[in-house]
Amino acid sequence: MKKGKIQKDIEAIYRRYKNKRRVVLAISIIILGLLYTFKNTSFLIRSLSAIGLMIFFYTFDHFFDVDFKERHYFFIILIAISSFLFSPLYYLYANYDKIQHLILPIMFASIASHMVSKLKLKRKWKLTFVFFIVIGIIGLHEIGEYLLDVFFDLKLQGVFLRDLQGLQKYDILLDRIDDTMIDMALGTLGAGLYTIYCLVFKKKIN
C-alpha cells in the first residue's frame, strides 16, 4: 500500500514537471515565431534573453526539485516578456521602468517565499529572509545595469526617452544616480508590501 502511494507521488511530480516543460516550450516557440517575423538584431537579443530566463528558471526548479507553483511560472513568464521583449517601452514611456521596479519585486518575493517556506524557521523570520533576499536581488540588478552601461553604454541607468526627431537620439529625464535610488526605493517598497501582506493576511507562506 505504501509503495503504491510513493509511486503515485512520483508520477504526480513527473506530470507537474512535464506540464511545466510544455508551458516553457510553448512560450519559447511563440517567441521564436515572433523572432522569425521581425528578424532584427535587437529583437534577437531580447528574444534569446527571455527564453534563456524561462529555461534557467525551469532548470533550477527541476535540478533542485523546488517544485515551483503555476503562479511562479506565470510570474517568470511575465517578467521575461515585460523586461526583455517589451524593453523598448523603457524609452517610450517614462513611468514604465518605475512600474517595473515596484511590481516585479513583489513577484520575486513570491518566488523567494516559496523557497524559504521549506526552511525550519518561524514565519516572521522567513518573511524577513524573503525581504532581504529581494533587496539583495535589487542591489545586484543595479550593479549589473551600472557595469553594462560602463562597458556597452546601453543607457540602462537613468530615464531616457527616444527623441521622435531621430531614432538614435535620446532625451534624459532623470540622471543615473537619482534613477538608481528611486528604483531601489520602489523595489524596497514592493518587497515591503508583499511582506506586510503575508504578515497580515496569510497564516503560512508557500
N, C-alpha and C. Protein backbone atom coordinates (compact mmCIF):
# COMPACT_ATOMS: atom_id res chain seq x y z
N MET A 1 0.83 -1.20 0.00
CA MET A 1 0.00 0.00 0.00
C MET A 1 0.87 1.26 0.00
N LYS A 2 1.91 1.23 0.84
CA LYS A 2 2.81 2.37 0.95
C LYS A 2 3.59 2.56 -0.35
N LYS A 3 4.03 1.45 -0.96
CA LYS A 3 4.78 1.54 -2.21
C LYS A 3 3.90 2.12 -3.31
N GLY A 4 2.63 1.76 -3.30
CA GLY A 4 1.71 2.29 -4.30
C GLY A 4 1.53 3.79 -4.17
N LYS A 5 1.48 4.28 -2.93
CA LYS A 5 1.33 5.72 -2.70
C LYS A 5 2.58 6.47 -3.16
N ILE A 6 3.76 5.90 -2.86
CA ILE A 6 5.02 6.52 -3.28
C ILE A 6 5.09 6.61 -4.80
N GLN A 7 4.66 5.53 -5.46
CA GLN A 7 4.66 5.50 -6.92
C GLN A 7 3.74 6.58 -7.49
N LYS A 8 2.57 6.73 -6.86
CA LYS A 8 1.63 7.75 -7.30
C LYS A 8 2.19 9.15 -7.11
N ASP A 9 2.90 9.38 -5.99
CA ASP A 9 3.51 10.68 -5.73
C ASP A 9 4.57 10.99 -6.79
N ILE A 10 5.37 9.98 -7.12
CA ILE A 10 6.41 10.16 -8.14
C ILE A 10 5.79 10.50 -9.49
N GLU A 11 4.72 9.80 -9.82
CA GLU A 11 4.04 10.05 -11.09
C GLU A 11 3.42 11.45 -11.13
N ALA A 12 2.89 11.88 -9.98
CA ALA A 12 2.30 13.23 -9.90
C ALA A 12 3.37 14.29 -10.10
N ILE A 13 4.53 14.10 -9.47
CA ILE A 13 5.64 15.05 -9.63
C ILE A 13 6.10 15.09 -11.08
N TYR A 14 6.20 13.92 -11.70
CA TYR A 14 6.63 13.84 -13.10
C TYR A 14 5.65 14.59 -14.00
N ARG A 15 4.34 14.43 -13.74
CA ARG A 15 3.33 15.13 -14.54
C ARG A 15 3.43 16.64 -14.38
N ARG A 16 3.70 17.09 -13.14
CA ARG A 16 3.82 18.53 -12.91
C ARG A 16 4.98 19.11 -13.71
N TYR A 17 6.14 18.44 -13.66
CA TYR A 17 7.30 18.94 -14.41
C TYR A 17 7.08 18.84 -15.91
N LYS A 18 6.35 17.81 -16.34
CA LYS A 18 6.04 17.67 -17.76
C LYS A 18 5.18 18.84 -18.23
N ASN A 19 4.19 19.22 -17.43
CA ASN A 19 3.34 20.36 -17.77
C ASN A 19 4.14 21.66 -17.79
N LYS A 20 5.07 21.80 -16.84
CA LYS A 20 5.90 23.00 -16.80
C LYS A 20 6.78 23.08 -18.05
N ARG A 21 7.35 21.93 -18.47
CA ARG A 21 8.16 21.90 -19.68
C ARG A 21 7.34 22.33 -20.89
N ARG A 22 6.11 21.85 -20.95
CA ARG A 22 5.24 22.19 -22.08
C ARG A 22 4.97 23.69 -22.14
N VAL A 23 4.73 24.30 -20.98
CA VAL A 23 4.46 25.74 -20.93
C VAL A 23 5.68 26.52 -21.40
N VAL A 24 6.85 26.19 -20.84
CA VAL A 24 8.09 26.88 -21.22
C VAL A 24 8.37 26.70 -22.70
N LEU A 25 8.20 25.48 -23.20
CA LEU A 25 8.45 25.19 -24.61
C LEU A 25 7.48 25.96 -25.51
N ALA A 26 6.20 26.00 -25.12
CA ALA A 26 5.19 26.69 -25.92
C ALA A 26 5.49 28.19 -26.01
N ILE A 27 5.80 28.81 -24.87
CA ILE A 27 6.11 30.24 -24.86
C ILE A 27 7.38 30.50 -25.68
N SER A 28 8.37 29.62 -25.56
CA SER A 28 9.62 29.77 -26.31
C SER A 28 9.37 29.70 -27.81
N ILE A 29 8.50 28.78 -28.23
CA ILE A 29 8.18 28.65 -29.66
C ILE A 29 7.46 29.90 -30.17
N ILE A 30 6.56 30.43 -29.35
CA ILE A 30 5.86 31.66 -29.73
C ILE A 30 6.86 32.81 -29.91
N ILE A 31 7.80 32.93 -28.97
CA ILE A 31 8.81 33.99 -29.05
C ILE A 31 9.68 33.80 -30.30
N LEU A 32 10.06 32.54 -30.59
CA LEU A 32 10.87 32.27 -31.79
C LEU A 32 10.08 32.60 -33.05
N GLY A 33 8.76 32.35 -33.01
CA GLY A 33 7.92 32.72 -34.14
C GLY A 33 7.91 34.22 -34.36
N LEU A 34 7.83 34.97 -33.26
CA LEU A 34 7.90 36.43 -33.36
C LEU A 34 9.26 36.88 -33.87
N LEU A 35 10.30 36.18 -33.41
CA LEU A 35 11.66 36.49 -33.87
C LEU A 35 11.77 36.33 -35.38
N TYR A 36 11.21 35.24 -35.90
CA TYR A 36 11.25 35.00 -37.35
C TYR A 36 10.48 36.10 -38.09
N THR A 37 9.40 36.58 -37.47
CA THR A 37 8.57 37.62 -38.10
C THR A 37 9.30 38.96 -38.17
N PHE A 38 9.96 39.35 -37.08
CA PHE A 38 10.59 40.67 -37.02
C PHE A 38 12.01 40.69 -37.61
N LYS A 39 12.77 39.63 -37.38
CA LYS A 39 14.09 39.47 -37.98
C LYS A 39 14.98 40.71 -37.85
N ASN A 40 15.32 41.09 -36.61
CA ASN A 40 16.33 42.13 -36.44
C ASN A 40 17.17 41.80 -35.21
N THR A 41 18.36 42.36 -35.16
CA THR A 41 19.33 42.00 -34.12
C THR A 41 18.82 42.33 -32.73
N SER A 42 18.19 43.48 -32.58
CA SER A 42 17.68 43.89 -31.27
C SER A 42 16.65 42.89 -30.75
N PHE A 43 15.72 42.51 -31.62
CA PHE A 43 14.69 41.56 -31.20
C PHE A 43 15.29 40.19 -30.94
N LEU A 44 16.35 39.84 -31.68
CA LEU A 44 17.04 38.56 -31.45
C LEU A 44 17.59 38.49 -30.04
N ILE A 45 18.27 39.54 -29.61
CA ILE A 45 18.86 39.58 -28.27
C ILE A 45 17.77 39.52 -27.20
N ARG A 46 16.70 40.29 -27.42
CA ARG A 46 15.61 40.32 -26.44
C ARG A 46 14.92 38.96 -26.36
N SER A 47 14.72 38.33 -27.51
CA SER A 47 14.05 37.02 -27.55
C SER A 47 14.88 35.95 -26.84
N LEU A 48 16.17 35.91 -27.16
CA LEU A 48 17.04 34.90 -26.54
C LEU A 48 17.16 35.13 -25.04
N SER A 49 17.15 36.39 -24.62
CA SER A 49 17.23 36.69 -23.19
C SER A 49 15.97 36.20 -22.46
N ALA A 50 14.80 36.44 -23.07
CA ALA A 50 13.54 36.00 -22.46
C ALA A 50 13.47 34.48 -22.38
N ILE A 51 13.84 33.81 -23.48
CA ILE A 51 13.83 32.35 -23.50
C ILE A 51 14.83 31.80 -22.50
N GLY A 52 16.02 32.42 -22.44
CA GLY A 52 17.06 31.97 -21.51
C GLY A 52 16.62 32.06 -20.07
N LEU A 53 15.91 33.14 -19.71
CA LEU A 53 15.42 33.29 -18.33
C LEU A 53 14.42 32.18 -17.99
N MET A 54 13.49 31.90 -18.89
CA MET A 54 12.49 30.87 -18.63
C MET A 54 13.12 29.48 -18.52
N ILE A 55 14.07 29.18 -19.41
CA ILE A 55 14.74 27.88 -19.36
C ILE A 55 15.57 27.74 -18.09
N PHE A 56 16.26 28.83 -17.70
CA PHE A 56 17.03 28.81 -16.47
C PHE A 56 16.13 28.55 -15.27
N PHE A 57 14.97 29.20 -15.24
CA PHE A 57 14.04 29.04 -14.13
C PHE A 57 13.56 27.59 -14.04
N TYR A 58 13.17 27.02 -15.19
CA TYR A 58 12.71 25.63 -15.18
C TYR A 58 13.84 24.68 -14.78
N THR A 59 15.05 24.91 -15.29
CA THR A 59 16.19 24.05 -14.97
C THR A 59 16.50 24.10 -13.48
N PHE A 60 16.49 25.31 -12.92
CA PHE A 60 16.72 25.48 -11.49
C PHE A 60 15.65 24.74 -10.68
N ASP A 61 14.41 24.89 -11.10
CA ASP A 61 13.28 24.23 -10.44
C ASP A 61 13.45 22.71 -10.46
N HIS A 62 13.77 22.17 -11.64
CA HIS A 62 13.86 20.72 -11.80
C HIS A 62 15.12 20.15 -11.12
N PHE A 63 16.25 20.84 -11.30
CA PHE A 63 17.52 20.32 -10.78
C PHE A 63 17.52 20.28 -9.25
N PHE A 64 16.97 21.34 -8.62
CA PHE A 64 16.95 21.41 -7.16
C PHE A 64 15.63 20.93 -6.57
N ASP A 65 14.72 20.47 -7.44
CA ASP A 65 13.42 19.94 -7.01
C ASP A 65 12.70 20.93 -6.09
N VAL A 66 12.63 22.19 -6.53
CA VAL A 66 11.99 23.24 -5.74
C VAL A 66 10.47 23.10 -5.81
N ASP A 67 9.98 22.59 -6.94
CA ASP A 67 8.54 22.41 -7.17
C ASP A 67 7.79 23.75 -7.10
N PHE A 68 8.23 24.70 -7.95
CA PHE A 68 7.53 25.97 -8.05
C PHE A 68 6.09 25.75 -8.51
N LYS A 69 5.20 26.62 -8.07
CA LYS A 69 3.79 26.52 -8.42
C LYS A 69 3.53 27.17 -9.79
N GLU A 70 2.30 26.94 -10.29
CA GLU A 70 1.95 27.51 -11.59
C GLU A 70 2.04 29.03 -11.58
N ARG A 71 1.68 29.64 -10.45
CA ARG A 71 1.72 31.11 -10.39
C ARG A 71 3.15 31.63 -10.51
N HIS A 72 4.12 30.85 -10.01
CA HIS A 72 5.51 31.28 -10.11
C HIS A 72 5.97 31.24 -11.56
N TYR A 73 5.52 30.25 -12.32
CA TYR A 73 5.85 30.21 -13.76
C TYR A 73 5.17 31.36 -14.49
N PHE A 74 3.94 31.68 -14.09
CA PHE A 74 3.26 32.83 -14.68
C PHE A 74 4.07 34.10 -14.40
N PHE A 75 4.57 34.25 -13.18
CA PHE A 75 5.35 35.43 -12.82
C PHE A 75 6.63 35.51 -13.66
N ILE A 76 7.34 34.39 -13.79
CA ILE A 76 8.63 34.44 -14.50
C ILE A 76 8.41 34.68 -15.99
N ILE A 77 7.32 34.17 -16.55
CA ILE A 77 7.00 34.44 -17.96
C ILE A 77 6.67 35.92 -18.12
N LEU A 78 5.90 36.47 -17.18
CA LEU A 78 5.55 37.90 -17.22
C LEU A 78 6.80 38.76 -17.08
N ILE A 79 7.70 38.36 -16.19
CA ILE A 79 8.95 39.10 -16.00
C ILE A 79 9.79 39.06 -17.28
N ALA A 80 9.90 37.87 -17.90
CA ALA A 80 10.70 37.71 -19.12
C ALA A 80 10.15 38.56 -20.25
N ILE A 81 8.83 38.55 -20.41
CA ILE A 81 8.22 39.29 -21.51
C ILE A 81 8.29 40.79 -21.28
N SER A 82 7.94 41.24 -20.06
CA SER A 82 7.90 42.67 -19.79
C SER A 82 9.30 43.28 -19.72
N SER A 83 10.28 42.52 -19.22
CA SER A 83 11.64 43.06 -19.05
C SER A 83 12.47 43.00 -20.32
N PHE A 84 12.27 41.95 -21.13
CA PHE A 84 13.11 41.76 -22.32
C PHE A 84 12.36 42.07 -23.62
N LEU A 85 11.27 41.35 -23.89
CA LEU A 85 10.56 41.56 -25.16
C LEU A 85 10.02 42.98 -25.28
N PHE A 86 9.50 43.52 -24.18
CA PHE A 86 8.91 44.86 -24.22
C PHE A 86 9.88 45.95 -23.77
N SER A 87 11.17 45.65 -23.75
CA SER A 87 12.15 46.62 -23.26
C SER A 87 12.17 47.95 -24.02
N PRO A 88 11.80 48.00 -25.32
CA PRO A 88 11.74 49.32 -25.98
C PRO A 88 10.80 50.30 -25.30
N LEU A 89 9.83 49.78 -24.52
CA LEU A 89 8.89 50.67 -23.82
C LEU A 89 9.60 51.54 -22.79
N TYR A 90 10.79 51.09 -22.34
CA TYR A 90 11.55 51.90 -21.38
C TYR A 90 11.87 53.28 -21.96
N TYR A 91 12.03 53.32 -23.29
CA TYR A 91 12.43 54.57 -23.96
C TYR A 91 11.25 55.30 -24.60
N LEU A 92 10.05 54.78 -24.39
CA LEU A 92 8.85 55.41 -24.94
C LEU A 92 7.94 55.97 -23.85
N TYR A 93 7.90 55.29 -22.68
CA TYR A 93 7.06 55.71 -21.57
C TYR A 93 7.92 55.88 -20.32
N ALA A 94 7.97 57.10 -19.82
CA ALA A 94 8.89 57.41 -18.71
C ALA A 94 8.60 56.59 -17.46
N ASN A 95 7.35 56.25 -17.21
CA ASN A 95 6.99 55.57 -15.97
C ASN A 95 7.02 54.04 -16.08
N TYR A 96 7.29 53.51 -17.28
CA TYR A 96 7.30 52.06 -17.45
C TYR A 96 8.33 51.41 -16.53
N ASP A 97 9.52 51.99 -16.49
CA ASP A 97 10.61 51.47 -15.66
C ASP A 97 10.23 51.49 -14.18
N LYS A 98 9.55 52.57 -13.75
CA LYS A 98 9.20 52.70 -12.33
C LYS A 98 8.12 51.69 -11.93
N ILE A 99 7.17 51.47 -12.83
CA ILE A 99 6.14 50.45 -12.57
C ILE A 99 6.80 49.08 -12.44
N GLN A 100 7.77 48.80 -13.30
CA GLN A 100 8.50 47.53 -13.24
C GLN A 100 9.19 47.35 -11.89
N HIS A 101 9.85 48.41 -11.44
CA HIS A 101 10.62 48.30 -10.19
C HIS A 101 9.74 48.20 -8.95
N LEU A 102 8.47 48.51 -9.09
CA LEU A 102 7.54 48.33 -7.97
C LEU A 102 6.89 46.95 -8.02
N ILE A 103 6.45 46.52 -9.20
CA ILE A 103 5.67 45.29 -9.34
C ILE A 103 6.55 44.03 -9.35
N LEU A 104 7.65 44.05 -10.09
CA LEU A 104 8.47 42.84 -10.23
C LEU A 104 9.03 42.34 -8.90
N PRO A 105 9.48 43.22 -7.97
CA PRO A 105 9.94 42.71 -6.67
C PRO A 105 8.86 41.94 -5.91
N ILE A 106 7.59 42.29 -6.10
CA ILE A 106 6.51 41.55 -5.46
C ILE A 106 6.47 40.12 -6.00
N MET A 107 6.66 39.98 -7.31
CA MET A 107 6.69 38.66 -7.93
C MET A 107 7.91 37.86 -7.46
N PHE A 108 9.07 38.52 -7.42
CA PHE A 108 10.27 37.84 -6.94
C PHE A 108 10.11 37.43 -5.47
N ALA A 109 9.43 38.26 -4.69
CA ALA A 109 9.21 37.93 -3.28
C ALA A 109 8.35 36.68 -3.15
N SER A 110 7.35 36.55 -4.02
CA SER A 110 6.51 35.34 -4.00
C SER A 110 7.33 34.10 -4.33
N ILE A 111 8.20 34.23 -5.33
CA ILE A 111 9.07 33.10 -5.71
C ILE A 111 10.02 32.75 -4.57
N ALA A 112 10.63 33.79 -3.97
CA ALA A 112 11.58 33.57 -2.87
C ALA A 112 10.88 32.96 -1.65
N SER A 113 9.66 33.39 -1.39
CA SER A 113 8.94 32.89 -0.21
C SER A 113 8.65 31.40 -0.34
N HIS A 114 8.40 30.93 -1.58
CA HIS A 114 8.17 29.50 -1.79
C HIS A 114 9.43 28.71 -1.43
N MET A 115 10.59 29.23 -1.80
CA MET A 115 11.85 28.55 -1.50
C MET A 115 12.14 28.59 0.00
N VAL A 116 11.90 29.75 0.62
CA VAL A 116 12.20 29.92 2.04
C VAL A 116 11.22 29.13 2.91
N SER A 117 10.02 28.87 2.38
CA SER A 117 8.99 28.17 3.17
C SER A 117 9.45 26.78 3.61
N LYS A 118 10.44 26.23 2.93
CA LYS A 118 10.93 24.89 3.27
C LYS A 118 11.90 24.91 4.45
N LEU A 119 12.36 26.10 4.83
CA LEU A 119 13.29 26.22 5.95
C LEU A 119 12.55 26.10 7.29
N LYS A 120 13.23 25.56 8.28
CA LYS A 120 12.64 25.40 9.60
C LYS A 120 12.86 26.67 10.42
N LEU A 121 12.07 27.69 10.08
CA LEU A 121 12.14 28.97 10.77
C LEU A 121 10.72 29.44 11.09
N LYS A 122 10.62 30.31 12.07
CA LYS A 122 9.33 30.92 12.34
C LYS A 122 8.93 31.81 11.17
N ARG A 123 7.60 31.98 11.00
CA ARG A 123 7.09 32.71 9.85
C ARG A 123 7.68 34.12 9.74
N LYS A 124 7.81 34.82 10.86
CA LYS A 124 8.31 36.19 10.80
C LYS A 124 9.76 36.23 10.30
N TRP A 125 10.56 35.19 10.65
CA TRP A 125 11.94 35.16 10.18
C TRP A 125 12.02 34.74 8.73
N LYS A 126 11.11 33.88 8.29
CA LYS A 126 11.05 33.52 6.87
C LYS A 126 10.76 34.77 6.02
N LEU A 127 9.79 35.56 6.47
CA LEU A 127 9.42 36.76 5.73
C LEU A 127 10.54 37.80 5.77
N THR A 128 11.22 37.89 6.89
CA THR A 128 12.37 38.79 6.97
C THR A 128 13.45 38.36 5.98
N PHE A 129 13.68 37.05 5.90
CA PHE A 129 14.66 36.50 4.96
C PHE A 129 14.25 36.81 3.53
N VAL A 130 12.96 36.62 3.22
CA VAL A 130 12.45 36.92 1.88
C VAL A 130 12.68 38.39 1.53
N PHE A 131 12.37 39.28 2.47
CA PHE A 131 12.52 40.71 2.24
C PHE A 131 13.96 41.05 1.86
N PHE A 132 14.93 40.52 2.61
CA PHE A 132 16.32 40.86 2.34
C PHE A 132 16.87 40.13 1.11
N ILE A 133 16.31 38.98 0.76
CA ILE A 133 16.69 38.33 -0.50
C ILE A 133 16.33 39.23 -1.67
N VAL A 134 15.11 39.76 -1.64
CA VAL A 134 14.66 40.63 -2.74
C VAL A 134 15.49 41.91 -2.78
N ILE A 135 15.79 42.48 -1.62
CA ILE A 135 16.64 43.68 -1.58
C ILE A 135 18.00 43.38 -2.19
N GLY A 136 18.54 42.19 -1.88
CA GLY A 136 19.83 41.79 -2.46
C GLY A 136 19.75 41.66 -3.97
N ILE A 137 18.66 41.09 -4.47
CA ILE A 137 18.48 40.95 -5.92
C ILE A 137 18.41 42.34 -6.58
N ILE A 138 17.70 43.25 -5.93
CA ILE A 138 17.60 44.62 -6.46
C ILE A 138 18.98 45.26 -6.55
N GLY A 139 19.78 45.10 -5.47
CA GLY A 139 21.13 45.65 -5.47
C GLY A 139 22.00 45.07 -6.56
N LEU A 140 21.95 43.74 -6.75
CA LEU A 140 22.73 43.09 -7.80
C LEU A 140 22.27 43.55 -9.19
N HIS A 141 20.96 43.74 -9.33
CA HIS A 141 20.42 44.22 -10.61
C HIS A 141 20.98 45.60 -10.95
N GLU A 142 21.01 46.49 -9.97
CA GLU A 142 21.51 47.84 -10.22
C GLU A 142 23.01 47.83 -10.51
N ILE A 143 23.76 46.96 -9.84
CA ILE A 143 25.19 46.82 -10.13
C ILE A 143 25.37 46.32 -11.56
N GLY A 144 24.55 45.34 -11.96
CA GLY A 144 24.62 44.81 -13.32
C GLY A 144 24.33 45.89 -14.35
N GLU A 145 23.30 46.71 -14.09
CA GLU A 145 22.99 47.81 -15.02
C GLU A 145 24.16 48.79 -15.12
N TYR A 146 24.77 49.08 -13.98
CA TYR A 146 25.92 50.01 -13.98
C TYR A 146 27.06 49.47 -14.83
N LEU A 147 27.40 48.18 -14.65
CA LEU A 147 28.50 47.59 -15.40
C LEU A 147 28.20 47.53 -16.89
N LEU A 148 26.97 47.20 -17.25
CA LEU A 148 26.59 47.15 -18.67
C LEU A 148 26.66 48.54 -19.30
N ASP A 149 26.30 49.57 -18.53
CA ASP A 149 26.40 50.93 -19.04
C ASP A 149 27.86 51.35 -19.20
N VAL A 150 28.71 50.95 -18.26
CA VAL A 150 30.13 51.31 -18.33
C VAL A 150 30.78 50.71 -19.57
N PHE A 151 30.49 49.43 -19.84
CA PHE A 151 31.17 48.74 -20.93
C PHE A 151 30.46 48.85 -22.29
N PHE A 152 29.12 48.98 -22.28
CA PHE A 152 28.39 48.95 -23.56
C PHE A 152 27.49 50.17 -23.78
N ASP A 153 27.40 51.07 -22.79
CA ASP A 153 26.59 52.27 -22.91
C ASP A 153 25.17 51.95 -23.39
N LEU A 154 24.49 51.05 -22.66
CA LEU A 154 23.14 50.63 -23.04
C LEU A 154 22.05 51.56 -22.51
N LYS A 155 22.47 52.55 -21.74
CA LYS A 155 21.53 53.51 -21.15
C LYS A 155 20.48 52.82 -20.27
N LEU A 156 20.97 51.93 -19.43
CA LEU A 156 20.08 51.22 -18.51
C LEU A 156 19.83 52.01 -17.24
N GLN A 157 20.80 52.83 -16.84
CA GLN A 157 20.64 53.67 -15.67
C GLN A 157 20.32 55.09 -16.12
N GLY A 158 19.33 55.68 -15.48
CA GLY A 158 18.82 56.96 -15.93
C GLY A 158 17.52 56.73 -16.69
N VAL A 159 16.70 57.75 -16.79
CA VAL A 159 15.46 57.65 -17.56
C VAL A 159 15.66 58.41 -18.86
N PHE A 160 15.60 57.66 -19.97
CA PHE A 160 15.78 58.23 -21.30
C PHE A 160 14.52 58.04 -22.11
N LEU A 161 14.15 59.06 -22.87
CA LEU A 161 13.06 58.93 -23.82
C LEU A 161 13.60 59.14 -25.22
N ARG A 162 13.14 58.28 -26.14
CA ARG A 162 13.61 58.40 -27.52
C ARG A 162 13.07 59.70 -28.13
N ASP A 163 13.96 60.45 -28.75
CA ASP A 163 13.58 61.67 -29.43
C ASP A 163 12.89 61.31 -30.74
N LEU A 164 11.67 61.79 -30.92
CA LEU A 164 10.91 61.43 -32.12
C LEU A 164 11.54 61.99 -33.39
N GLN A 165 12.45 62.96 -33.27
CA GLN A 165 13.09 63.53 -34.45
C GLN A 165 14.26 62.69 -34.95
N GLY A 166 14.68 61.70 -34.15
CA GLY A 166 15.79 60.85 -34.59
C GLY A 166 15.83 59.57 -33.79
N LEU A 167 15.94 58.41 -34.45
CA LEU A 167 15.87 57.13 -33.77
C LEU A 167 17.03 56.91 -32.81
N GLN A 168 18.17 57.56 -33.07
CA GLN A 168 19.35 57.35 -32.23
C GLN A 168 19.51 58.45 -31.18
N LYS A 169 18.56 59.36 -31.11
CA LYS A 169 18.65 60.46 -30.15
C LYS A 169 17.79 60.18 -28.94
N TYR A 170 18.32 60.50 -27.75
CA TYR A 170 17.58 60.27 -26.50
C TYR A 170 17.61 61.54 -25.66
N ASP A 171 16.48 61.83 -25.04
CA ASP A 171 16.41 62.93 -24.07
C ASP A 171 16.44 62.33 -22.67
N ILE A 172 17.34 62.82 -21.82
CA ILE A 172 17.43 62.30 -20.47
C ILE A 172 16.47 63.07 -19.56
N LEU A 173 15.63 62.32 -18.86
CA LEU A 173 14.66 62.92 -17.95
C LEU A 173 15.08 62.82 -16.49
N LEU A 174 15.89 61.81 -16.18
CA LEU A 174 16.33 61.59 -14.80
C LEU A 174 17.74 61.05 -14.83
N ASP A 175 18.66 61.69 -14.07
CA ASP A 175 20.05 61.25 -14.14
C ASP A 175 20.25 59.90 -13.47
N ARG A 176 21.42 59.32 -13.68
CA ARG A 176 21.68 57.94 -13.27
C ARG A 176 21.55 57.72 -11.77
N ILE A 177 22.10 58.61 -10.96
CA ILE A 177 22.07 58.42 -9.50
C ILE A 177 20.64 58.49 -8.98
N ASP A 178 19.91 59.53 -9.40
CA ASP A 178 18.51 59.66 -8.95
C ASP A 178 17.69 58.46 -9.40
N ASP A 179 17.89 58.02 -10.63
CA ASP A 179 17.15 56.87 -11.16
C ASP A 179 17.43 55.62 -10.34
N THR A 180 18.71 55.38 -10.02
CA THR A 180 19.09 54.19 -9.25
C THR A 180 18.47 54.23 -7.85
N MET A 181 18.52 55.38 -7.19
CA MET A 181 17.97 55.49 -5.85
C MET A 181 16.45 55.30 -5.85
N ILE A 182 15.77 55.88 -6.83
CA ILE A 182 14.31 55.73 -6.92
C ILE A 182 13.95 54.28 -7.21
N ASP A 183 14.71 53.65 -8.11
CA ASP A 183 14.45 52.24 -8.44
C ASP A 183 14.60 51.36 -7.20
N MET A 184 15.66 51.59 -6.43
CA MET A 184 15.88 50.78 -5.23
C MET A 184 14.81 51.05 -4.17
N ALA A 185 14.38 52.31 -4.08
CA ALA A 185 13.32 52.65 -3.12
C ALA A 185 12.00 51.98 -3.51
N LEU A 186 11.66 51.99 -4.80
CA LEU A 186 10.43 51.35 -5.27
C LEU A 186 10.49 49.84 -5.08
N GLY A 187 11.68 49.26 -5.35
CA GLY A 187 11.84 47.82 -5.15
C GLY A 187 11.69 47.43 -3.69
N THR A 188 12.26 48.25 -2.82
CA THR A 188 12.13 48.01 -1.38
C THR A 188 10.67 48.12 -0.95
N LEU A 189 9.97 49.09 -1.51
CA LEU A 189 8.54 49.26 -1.22
C LEU A 189 7.75 48.03 -1.67
N GLY A 190 8.05 47.53 -2.88
CA GLY A 190 7.36 46.34 -3.38
C GLY A 190 7.59 45.13 -2.49
N ALA A 191 8.85 44.92 -2.09
CA ALA A 191 9.17 43.80 -1.19
C ALA A 191 8.49 43.98 0.16
N GLY A 192 8.46 45.23 0.64
CA GLY A 192 7.81 45.51 1.91
C GLY A 192 6.30 45.28 1.87
N LEU A 193 5.67 45.65 0.75
CA LEU A 193 4.23 45.43 0.60
C LEU A 193 3.90 43.94 0.63
N TYR A 194 4.73 43.14 -0.04
CA TYR A 194 4.50 41.69 -0.04
C TYR A 194 4.67 41.13 1.38
N THR A 195 5.70 41.58 2.08
CA THR A 195 5.95 41.11 3.44
C THR A 195 4.80 41.46 4.37
N ILE A 196 4.32 42.69 4.28
CA ILE A 196 3.20 43.12 5.12
C ILE A 196 1.94 42.33 4.79
N TYR A 197 1.70 42.11 3.50
CA TYR A 197 0.53 41.33 3.07
C TYR A 197 0.55 39.94 3.69
N CYS A 198 1.73 39.29 3.64
CA CYS A 198 1.85 37.94 4.21
C CYS A 198 1.66 37.95 5.72
N LEU A 199 2.21 38.96 6.38
CA LEU A 199 2.08 39.05 7.84
C LEU A 199 0.63 39.23 8.28
N VAL A 200 -0.11 40.01 7.49
CA VAL A 200 -1.48 40.36 7.88
C VAL A 200 -2.50 39.33 7.42
N PHE A 201 -2.34 38.82 6.18
CA PHE A 201 -3.41 38.03 5.56
C PHE A 201 -3.10 36.54 5.41
N LYS A 202 -1.84 36.14 5.51
CA LYS A 202 -1.50 34.73 5.27
C LYS A 202 -0.96 34.10 6.55
N LYS A 203 -1.50 32.94 6.90
CA LYS A 203 -1.04 32.24 8.09
C LYS A 203 0.27 31.49 7.85
N LYS A 204 0.51 31.11 6.60
CA LYS A 204 1.77 30.47 6.25
C LYS A 204 2.18 30.90 4.86
N ILE A 205 3.47 30.87 4.58
CA ILE A 205 3.95 31.26 3.27
C ILE A 205 4.30 30.02 2.47
N ASN A 206 4.05 30.05 1.19
CA ASN A 206 4.37 28.91 0.31
C ASN A 206 4.53 29.38 -1.11
